[in-house]
């Protein structure tokens, strides 16, 4: 059976089990990309943390559409401070809030 076909029909508890099996290495991390649209915000934050801690080999770009604004802004700040280096700043910009973009722009103009 292809477990990925079941993903849209799983509840949060089952998705938590799925994520546990990925963390244990019993399911490939690359398959987690297929589950991202169905994971809740807590799961997404956990995946983000695992990627940061290099415990999960997955692209941060894949997470962006599913992350909360506050987590995206936190990631952006870490990229600017070189705390996160495995994602380009430009990849995050489309996911920042309009307010954050405006703030960044004003800050840039003030530094001219």
Protein backbone atom coordinates (compact mmCIF):
# COMPACT_ATOMS: atom_id res chain seq x y z
CA UNK A 1 0.00 0.00 0.00
CA UNK A 2 1.18 3.53 -0.80
CA UNK A 3 0.77 5.35 2.50
CA UNK A 4 1.00 8.72 0.77
CA UNK A 5 -2.44 8.15 -0.74
CA UNK A 6 -3.89 8.03 2.78
CA UNK A 7 -2.43 11.36 3.91
CA UNK A 8 -5.41 13.56 2.99
CA UNK A 9 -7.67 11.39 5.12
CA UNK A 10 -5.57 11.15 8.29
CA UNK A 11 -6.44 12.96 11.51
CA UNK A 12 -3.91 14.90 13.62
CA UNK A 13 -3.12 11.87 15.78
CA UNK A 14 -2.32 9.73 12.74
CA UNK A 15 -0.27 12.52 11.19
CA UNK A 16 1.69 12.76 14.45
CA UNK A 17 2.47 9.05 14.16
CA UNK A 18 3.51 9.57 10.55
CA UNK A 19 5.87 12.37 11.61
CA UNK A 20 7.31 10.16 14.38
CA UNK A 21 8.11 7.43 11.84
CA UNK A 22 9.86 10.01 9.65
CA UNK A 23 11.90 11.19 12.65
CA UNK A 24 12.82 7.57 13.45
CA UNK A 25 13.98 7.08 9.86
CA UNK A 26 11.36 4.42 9.15
CA UNK A 27 9.79 6.65 6.48
CA UNK A 28 11.91 8.76 4.11
CA UNK A 29 12.10 12.48 4.96
CA UNK A 30 11.56 13.37 1.30
CA UNK A 31 8.09 11.81 1.52
CA UNK A 32 7.22 14.27 4.28
CA UNK A 33 6.84 16.95 1.59
CA UNK A 34 3.68 15.16 0.46
CA UNK A 35 2.26 15.37 3.99
CA UNK A 36 2.97 19.08 4.57
CA UNK A 37 -0.42 20.33 3.32
CA UNK A 38 -2.15 18.09 5.86
CA UNK A 39 0.01 18.78 8.92
CA UNK A 40 -1.22 21.20 11.56
CA UNK A 41 0.73 24.28 12.69
CA UNK A 42 2.29 22.39 15.62
CA UNK A 43 3.59 19.71 13.27
CA UNK A 44 4.98 22.34 10.91
CA UNK A 45 6.81 24.09 13.76
CA UNK A 46 8.24 20.73 14.83
CA UNK A 47 9.46 20.01 11.30
CA UNK A 48 11.00 23.51 11.15
CA UNK A 49 12.84 22.87 14.43
CA UNK A 50 14.06 19.47 13.25
CA UNK A 51 15.43 21.00 10.05
CA UNK A 52 17.19 23.74 12.01
CA UNK A 53 18.72 21.16 14.34
CA UNK A 54 19.79 19.18 11.25
CA UNK A 55 17.84 16.16 12.45
CA UNK A 56 15.74 16.14 9.29
CA UNK A 57 17.05 16.50 5.76
CA UNK A 58 14.34 18.60 4.17
CA UNK A 59 14.30 21.95 2.40
CA UNK A 60 13.07 24.96 4.37
CA UNK A 61 11.55 26.32 1.15
CA UNK A 62 9.09 23.42 1.14
CA UNK A 63 7.78 24.52 4.55
CA UNK A 64 7.20 28.19 3.75
CA UNK A 65 3.63 27.94 2.40
CA UNK A 66 2.52 26.13 5.54
CA UNK A 67 4.25 28.20 8.23
CA UNK A 68 2.68 30.83 10.50
CA UNK A 69 3.69 34.43 9.86
CA UNK A 70 5.52 34.72 13.17
CA UNK A 71 7.65 31.65 12.39
CA UNK A 72 8.44 32.97 8.92
CA UNK A 73 9.49 36.32 10.37
CA UNK A 74 11.65 34.54 12.94
CA UNK A 75 13.29 32.52 10.18
CA UNK A 76 13.86 35.67 8.12
CA UNK A 77 15.57 37.41 11.04
CA UNK A 78 17.78 34.35 11.54
CA UNK A 79 18.70 34.40 7.85
CA UNK A 80 19.62 38.09 8.09
CA UNK A 81 21.77 37.33 11.15
CA UNK A 82 23.40 34.34 9.40
CA UNK A 83 21.99 31.94 12.01
CA UNK A 84 20.28 30.05 9.18
CA UNK A 85 22.28 29.64 6.01
CA UNK A 86 20.49 26.88 4.11
CA UNK A 87 17.84 29.17 2.58
CA UNK A 88 18.13 32.35 0.54
CA UNK A 89 16.59 35.57 1.78
CA UNK A 90 14.77 35.98 -1.55
CA UNK A 91 12.91 32.71 -1.05
CA UNK A 92 11.32 34.02 2.15
CA UNK A 93 10.29 37.49 0.94
CA UNK A 94 7.04 36.42 -0.81
CA UNK A 95 5.85 34.85 2.45
CA UNK A 96 6.49 37.85 4.71
CA UNK A 97 3.53 39.95 5.74
CA UNK A 98 2.88 43.21 3.94
CA UNK A 99 3.55 45.02 7.21
CA UNK A 100 6.97 43.36 7.58
CA UNK A 101 7.93 44.18 3.98
CA UNK A 102 6.93 47.80 4.52
CA UNK A 103 8.94 47.95 7.74
CA UNK A 104 12.01 46.50 6.04
CA UNK A 105 11.67 48.97 3.20
CA UNK A 106 11.40 51.96 5.56
CA UNK A 107 14.39 50.72 7.54
CA UNK A 108 16.39 50.46 4.31
CA UNK A 109 15.45 54.00 3.27
CA UNK A 110 16.42 55.37 6.66
CA UNK A 111 19.88 53.87 6.28
CA UNK A 112 20.54 55.64 2.96
